[in-house]
Structure formats: C-alpha cells, structure tokens
Amino acid sequence: MLPIDELEKRLGYFFKNPSLLKRAVTHRSYAAEHNERLEFLGDSVLNCVIGYALFKKDTHFNEGSLSRVRANLVKQAPLVEIGKRIGISSFLRVGDGELNTGGTKRPSIMADALEAIFGAVFCDGGFQEAQTVIVRLYEPMLSQLAPDTLSKDPKTLLQEMLQSKHLGLPLYEVLEITGAAHDQLFKVMVSVPKLGIKETGIGKSRRQAEQEAAHRAIESGVVKNL
C-alpha cells in the first residue's frame, strides 16, 4: 500500500484528522473499524453535490432528466473510473482473503471506498470541502455532459445505438452469482455478436450488473465508432 498522504495529494485535500481517511479505505474484511458508515454518508453527500452541479450546469434539464443524469453519474461505473484515475486500489486495506482474490481492484470495493472518502472529507471539513473534492474529480465527466445520451441509462442507450445501425439487440447472460443471500454480487456478460463485443459487469443486483456491462460496451472503441 502507498502512504495515505499520497492519496491526500491525489484528492487535493489534506485531512485535519487523517484517521478518517484511513477508515475510509478500510474494508470490513480488514478490521472492525471499517468504512461502511462513511460510505453511507458519502453516498448522500455525493447525490447532493452532483444534483446541485447538474442544477447549475444544465438549465434545459427537467426534473426527470436531472434525476436520470444524476443516477448515471453516481452509480458504480463512474466511481470506479474515478477510482482508477486516482489509483485508489493502491491505498485500500482489505483482509488476506480479499487481497488474494483481487479485492483491491473489485469494482464494488473501489466504488464503496470512494463514497466513504467523500463521507470522510465531509466529516473532516464540512460540505463545502466535500463539494470541492467531488466536483474536481467529476469535472471530466461533467464537462462532457450530453443530454441526449446521459439522460438515458446504459442499457437503453446501447440498444438504441445498435438498433440505429440495424445490428440487433444486445444479449445478456448471468455468468456468476457470489456471496450470501443478503449480500450477493452478480457478474453479467453482454454480447453483440455482429460486432464481436463481449463485456462484463458486476453489481449488487442483476440489473446493476447489466447496466455496468452495457456501459463498458458503450465505452468500447467499437461502439463509440459506430
């Protein structure tokens, strides 16, 4: 693991109470003092910050569109994208079992930790500091907002993109379901036979995993160049 002050540099925020950040990157498999409560808080802060950013940025969005765009920005895939950008995996504290199975790079663990970091910044510096950190990290996505695409969920968007080129419907297949009944993880593959595309997604529900897989398919060079 890299030193925690390096993560502060990448976030652009330096904690008065560094133990909050250490807790934010601690998975429940590592210690009893883990990040789940901070994750809960960070999720609420994130929704508020992104909602306000959209409210200020795009006056042509109605309430329904704002809700859909926000939902697309605060879900797992964008959080993982940000997590990869700041190299969050190098700071995560997970138990040996998770470490041996690649837990530090698992999308759900990365996304949860990032939300916990937002919660930690809120606890340490208040809403304005949390807002500054979140908007800074999300700026590449916010600056590329396209109402005709982001207002639709990835499954709908992928289907429309393929149908517009007469390429048929994407196919979804559940590859794996792991975890206890109350804490399952679904792994789903989406395929587009005519384009040779096969992408996977992981989520806490089948729908979430399908949306993640569809997002990955859309981001693939093949679909983007249709």
Protein backbone atom coordinates (compact mmCIF):
# COMPACT_ATOMS: atom_id res chain seq x y z
CA MET A 1 0.00 0.00 0.00
CA LEU A 2 1.11 3.56 -0.71
CA PRO A 3 1.28 6.08 2.17
CA ILE A 4 -2.01 7.75 2.93
CA ASP A 5 -0.63 11.26 2.42
CA GLU A 6 -0.12 10.40 -1.25
CA LEU A 7 -3.87 9.81 -1.51
CA GLU A 8 -4.46 13.23 0.05
CA LYS A 9 -2.33 14.77 -2.71
CA ARG A 10 -4.35 12.99 -5.39
CA LEU A 11 -7.61 14.12 -3.80
CA GLY A 12 -6.36 17.67 -3.41
CA TYR A 13 -7.50 17.67 0.21
CA PHE A 14 -5.41 17.30 3.38
CA PHE A 15 -7.18 15.96 6.44
CA LYS A 16 -7.09 17.57 9.86
CA ASN A 17 -7.92 14.09 11.16
CA PRO A 18 -6.09 11.58 8.90
CA SER A 19 -7.67 8.65 10.74
CA LEU A 20 -10.90 9.42 8.90
CA LEU A 21 -9.21 8.81 5.57
CA LYS A 22 -7.60 5.61 6.86
CA ARG A 23 -11.01 4.36 7.92
CA ALA A 24 -12.49 5.31 4.54
CA VAL A 25 -10.08 2.99 2.72
CA THR A 26 -10.56 0.13 5.20
CA HIS A 27 -12.77 -2.74 4.02
CA ARG A 28 -14.80 -4.72 6.55
CA SER A 29 -12.62 -7.77 5.84
CA TYR A 30 -9.59 -5.90 7.27
CA ALA A 31 -10.77 -4.54 10.61
CA ALA A 32 -13.78 -3.97 12.84
CA GLU A 33 -13.41 -0.22 12.27
CA HIS A 34 -14.26 -0.18 8.57
CA ASN A 35 -15.72 2.20 6.02
CA GLU A 36 -19.39 1.18 5.73
CA ARG A 37 -20.81 4.04 7.82
CA LEU A 38 -18.69 6.59 5.97
CA GLU A 39 -19.84 5.03 2.70
CA PHE A 40 -23.47 5.59 3.71
CA LEU A 41 -22.74 9.23 4.48
CA GLY A 42 -20.66 9.76 1.36
CA ASP A 43 -23.40 8.38 -0.86
CA SER A 44 -25.80 11.05 0.44
CA VAL A 45 -23.23 13.83 0.05
CA LEU A 46 -22.37 12.67 -3.48
CA ASN A 47 -26.01 12.70 -4.58
CA CYS A 48 -26.48 16.20 -3.23
CA VAL A 49 -23.29 17.59 -4.79
CA ILE A 50 -23.90 16.07 -8.23
CA GLY A 51 -27.55 17.11 -8.14
CA TYR A 52 -26.56 20.70 -7.42
CA ALA A 53 -23.82 20.64 -10.07
CA LEU A 54 -26.35 19.50 -12.67
CA PHE A 55 -28.90 22.05 -11.48
CA LYS A 56 -26.39 24.85 -12.07
CA LYS A 57 -24.88 23.49 -15.27
CA ASP A 58 -27.80 22.49 -17.49
CA THR A 59 -30.92 24.63 -17.19
CA HIS A 60 -32.66 22.75 -20.03
CA PHE A 61 -32.96 19.55 -17.95
CA ASN A 62 -36.35 18.95 -16.36
CA GLU A 63 -36.74 17.09 -13.07
CA GLY A 64 -36.95 13.67 -14.72
CA SER A 65 -33.86 14.27 -16.83
CA LEU A 66 -31.92 15.62 -13.86
CA SER A 67 -32.75 12.50 -11.86
CA ARG A 68 -31.68 10.17 -14.67
CA VAL A 69 -28.42 12.01 -15.35
CA ARG A 70 -27.57 12.11 -11.66
CA ALA A 71 -28.30 8.39 -11.34
CA ASN A 72 -25.91 7.68 -14.21
CA LEU A 73 -23.16 9.78 -12.62
CA VAL A 74 -23.32 8.39 -9.07
CA LYS A 75 -23.54 4.70 -9.89
CA GLN A 76 -20.69 2.22 -9.67
CA ALA A 77 -19.12 2.62 -13.13
CA PRO A 78 -18.25 6.35 -12.88
CA LEU A 79 -17.00 5.87 -9.33
CA VAL A 80 -14.72 3.06 -10.50
CA GLU A 81 -13.49 5.23 -13.36
CA ILE A 82 -12.53 7.95 -10.87
CA GLY A 83 -11.04 5.35 -8.54
CA LYS A 84 -8.79 4.05 -11.30
CA ARG A 85 -7.78 7.58 -12.23
CA ILE A 86 -6.51 8.31 -8.72
CA GLY A 87 -5.16 4.79 -8.21
CA ILE A 88 -7.36 4.05 -5.22
CA SER A 89 -6.50 0.33 -5.29
CA SER A 90 -3.02 1.15 -4.04
CA PHE A 91 -4.45 2.57 -0.81
CA LEU A 92 -7.19 0.06 0.06
CA ARG A 93 -6.85 -2.00 3.22
CA VAL A 94 -8.52 -5.39 2.76
CA GLY A 95 -8.23 -8.76 4.50
CA ASP A 96 -5.97 -11.50 3.21
CA GLY A 97 -8.86 -13.36 1.61
CA GLU A 98 -9.93 -10.32 -0.40
CA LEU A 99 -6.33 -9.45 -1.20
CA ASN A 100 -5.63 -12.91 -2.60
CA THR A 101 -8.71 -12.74 -4.86
CA GLY A 102 -8.00 -9.29 -6.25
CA GLY A 103 -10.33 -7.44 -3.89
CA THR A 104 -8.48 -4.13 -4.17
CA LYS A 105 -9.47 -4.00 -7.84
CA ARG A 106 -13.04 -5.24 -7.38
CA PRO A 107 -15.41 -2.57 -8.72
CA SER A 108 -17.79 -2.70 -5.75
CA ILE A 109 -14.97 -2.31 -3.21
CA MET A 110 -13.38 0.56 -5.16
CA ALA A 111 -16.70 2.39 -5.56
CA ASP A 112 -17.66 1.93 -1.90
CA ALA A 113 -14.28 3.23 -0.76
CA LEU A 114 -14.58 6.33 -2.91
CA GLU A 115 -18.01 7.10 -1.44
CA ALA A 116 -16.51 6.57 2.01
CA ILE A 117 -13.76 9.06 1.17
CA PHE A 118 -16.39 11.64 0.27
CA GLY A 119 -18.03 10.97 3.61
CA ALA A 120 -14.69 11.34 5.37
CA VAL A 121 -14.00 14.70 3.72
CA PHE A 122 -17.47 15.86 4.77
CA CYS A 123 -16.80 14.83 8.39
CA ASP A 124 -13.37 16.45 8.39
CA GLY A 125 -14.01 19.68 6.52
CA GLY A 126 -17.73 20.12 6.02
CA PHE A 127 -19.95 20.22 2.98
CA GLN A 128 -18.05 22.86 1.01
CA GLU A 129 -14.78 20.93 1.14
CA ALA A 130 -16.56 17.71 0.14
CA GLN A 131 -18.24 19.55 -2.71
CA THR A 132 -14.90 20.90 -3.94
CA VAL A 133 -13.29 17.44 -3.94
CA ILE A 134 -16.23 15.73 -5.65
CA VAL A 135 -16.66 18.37 -8.36
CA ARG A 136 -12.92 18.32 -9.07
CA LEU A 137 -12.89 14.54 -9.50
CA TYR A 138 -16.06 14.56 -11.56
CA GLU A 139 -15.12 17.51 -13.77
CA PRO A 140 -14.03 15.38 -16.79
CA MET A 141 -17.48 13.78 -16.81
CA LEU A 142 -19.43 16.95 -16.04
CA SER A 143 -17.66 18.82 -18.83
CA GLN A 144 -18.72 16.20 -21.37
CA LEU A 145 -22.38 16.06 -20.44
CA ALA A 146 -24.58 15.24 -23.43
CA PRO A 147 -28.30 15.47 -22.60
CA ASP A 148 -29.30 13.11 -25.40
CA THR A 149 -27.12 10.32 -24.02
CA LEU A 150 -26.61 10.73 -20.29
CA SER A 151 -30.33 11.18 -19.67
CA LYS A 152 -30.73 7.52 -20.71
CA ASP A 153 -29.48 4.51 -18.79
CA PRO A 154 -26.68 2.48 -20.46
CA LYS A 155 -28.91 -0.50 -21.42
CA THR A 156 -31.38 1.76 -23.21
CA LEU A 157 -28.62 3.76 -24.87
CA LEU A 158 -26.76 0.65 -26.07
CA GLN A 159 -29.94 -0.83 -27.50
CA GLU A 160 -30.78 2.38 -29.36
CA MET A 161 -27.25 2.71 -30.74
CA LEU A 162 -27.31 -0.85 -32.09
CA GLN A 163 -30.82 -0.63 -33.49
CA SER A 164 -29.99 2.60 -35.32
CA LYS A 165 -27.37 0.57 -37.25
CA HIS A 166 -29.64 -2.48 -37.66
CA LEU A 167 -27.32 -4.61 -35.53
CA GLY A 168 -29.98 -6.30 -33.43
CA LEU A 169 -30.38 -6.42 -29.67
CA PRO A 170 -27.53 -6.99 -27.19
CA LEU A 171 -27.61 -10.31 -25.33
CA TYR A 172 -27.21 -10.51 -21.55
CA GLU A 173 -26.09 -13.60 -19.63
CA VAL A 174 -25.55 -14.10 -15.90
CA LEU A 175 -22.10 -15.66 -15.52
CA GLU A 176 -21.83 -15.90 -11.77
CA ILE A 177 -23.62 -15.11 -8.51
CA THR A 178 -21.47 -14.99 -5.40
CA GLY A 179 -21.90 -14.06 -1.75
CA ALA A 180 -24.53 -14.69 0.91
CA ALA A 181 -28.19 -14.29 0.06
CA HIS A 182 -28.32 -10.84 1.68
CA ASP A 183 -25.09 -9.62 0.08
CA GLN A 184 -24.89 -11.11 -3.41
CA LEU A 185 -22.74 -9.99 -6.30
CA PHE A 186 -23.85 -10.63 -9.87
CA LYS A 187 -21.47 -10.97 -12.81
CA VAL A 188 -23.16 -10.46 -16.16
CA MET A 189 -21.85 -10.54 -19.73
CA VAL A 190 -23.31 -8.53 -22.58
CA SER A 191 -22.51 -9.62 -26.12
CA VAL A 192 -23.10 -8.08 -29.53
CA PRO A 193 -22.40 -10.97 -31.94
CA LYS A 194 -22.29 -8.89 -35.11
CA LEU A 195 -19.59 -6.66 -33.62
CA GLY A 196 -17.73 -9.35 -31.70
CA ILE A 197 -18.25 -7.47 -28.44
CA LYS A 198 -18.21 -9.23 -25.08
CA GLU A 199 -18.09 -7.12 -21.93
CA THR A 200 -18.79 -7.98 -18.31
CA GLY A 201 -20.26 -6.04 -15.43
CA ILE A 202 -20.50 -6.68 -11.70
CA GLY A 203 -23.18 -5.32 -9.39
CA LYS A 204 -25.22 -5.92 -6.28
CA SER A 205 -28.22 -6.82 -8.44
CA ARG A 206 -28.66 -8.34 -11.88
CA ARG A 207 -29.91 -5.02 -13.22
CA GLN A 208 -26.91 -3.15 -11.83
CA ALA A 209 -24.53 -5.68 -13.36
CA GLU A 210 -26.30 -5.45 -16.72
CA GLN A 211 -26.07 -1.65 -16.65
CA GLU A 212 -22.35 -1.88 -15.85
CA ALA A 213 -21.79 -4.32 -18.72
CA ALA A 214 -23.74 -2.10 -21.12
CA HIS A 215 -21.68 0.92 -20.02
CA ARG A 216 -18.46 -0.97 -20.75
CA ALA A 217 -19.80 -1.98 -24.18
CA ILE A 218 -20.66 1.63 -24.99
CA GLU A 219 -17.20 2.77 -23.90
CA SER A 220 -15.53 0.20 -26.12
CA GLY A 221 -13.95 1.64 -29.23
CA VAL A 222 -16.18 -0.47 -31.49
CA VAL A 223 -19.46 1.00 -30.29
CA LYS A 224 -18.12 4.53 -29.96
CA ASN A 225 -17.08 4.44 -33.61
CA LEU A 226 -20.43 3.23 -34.96
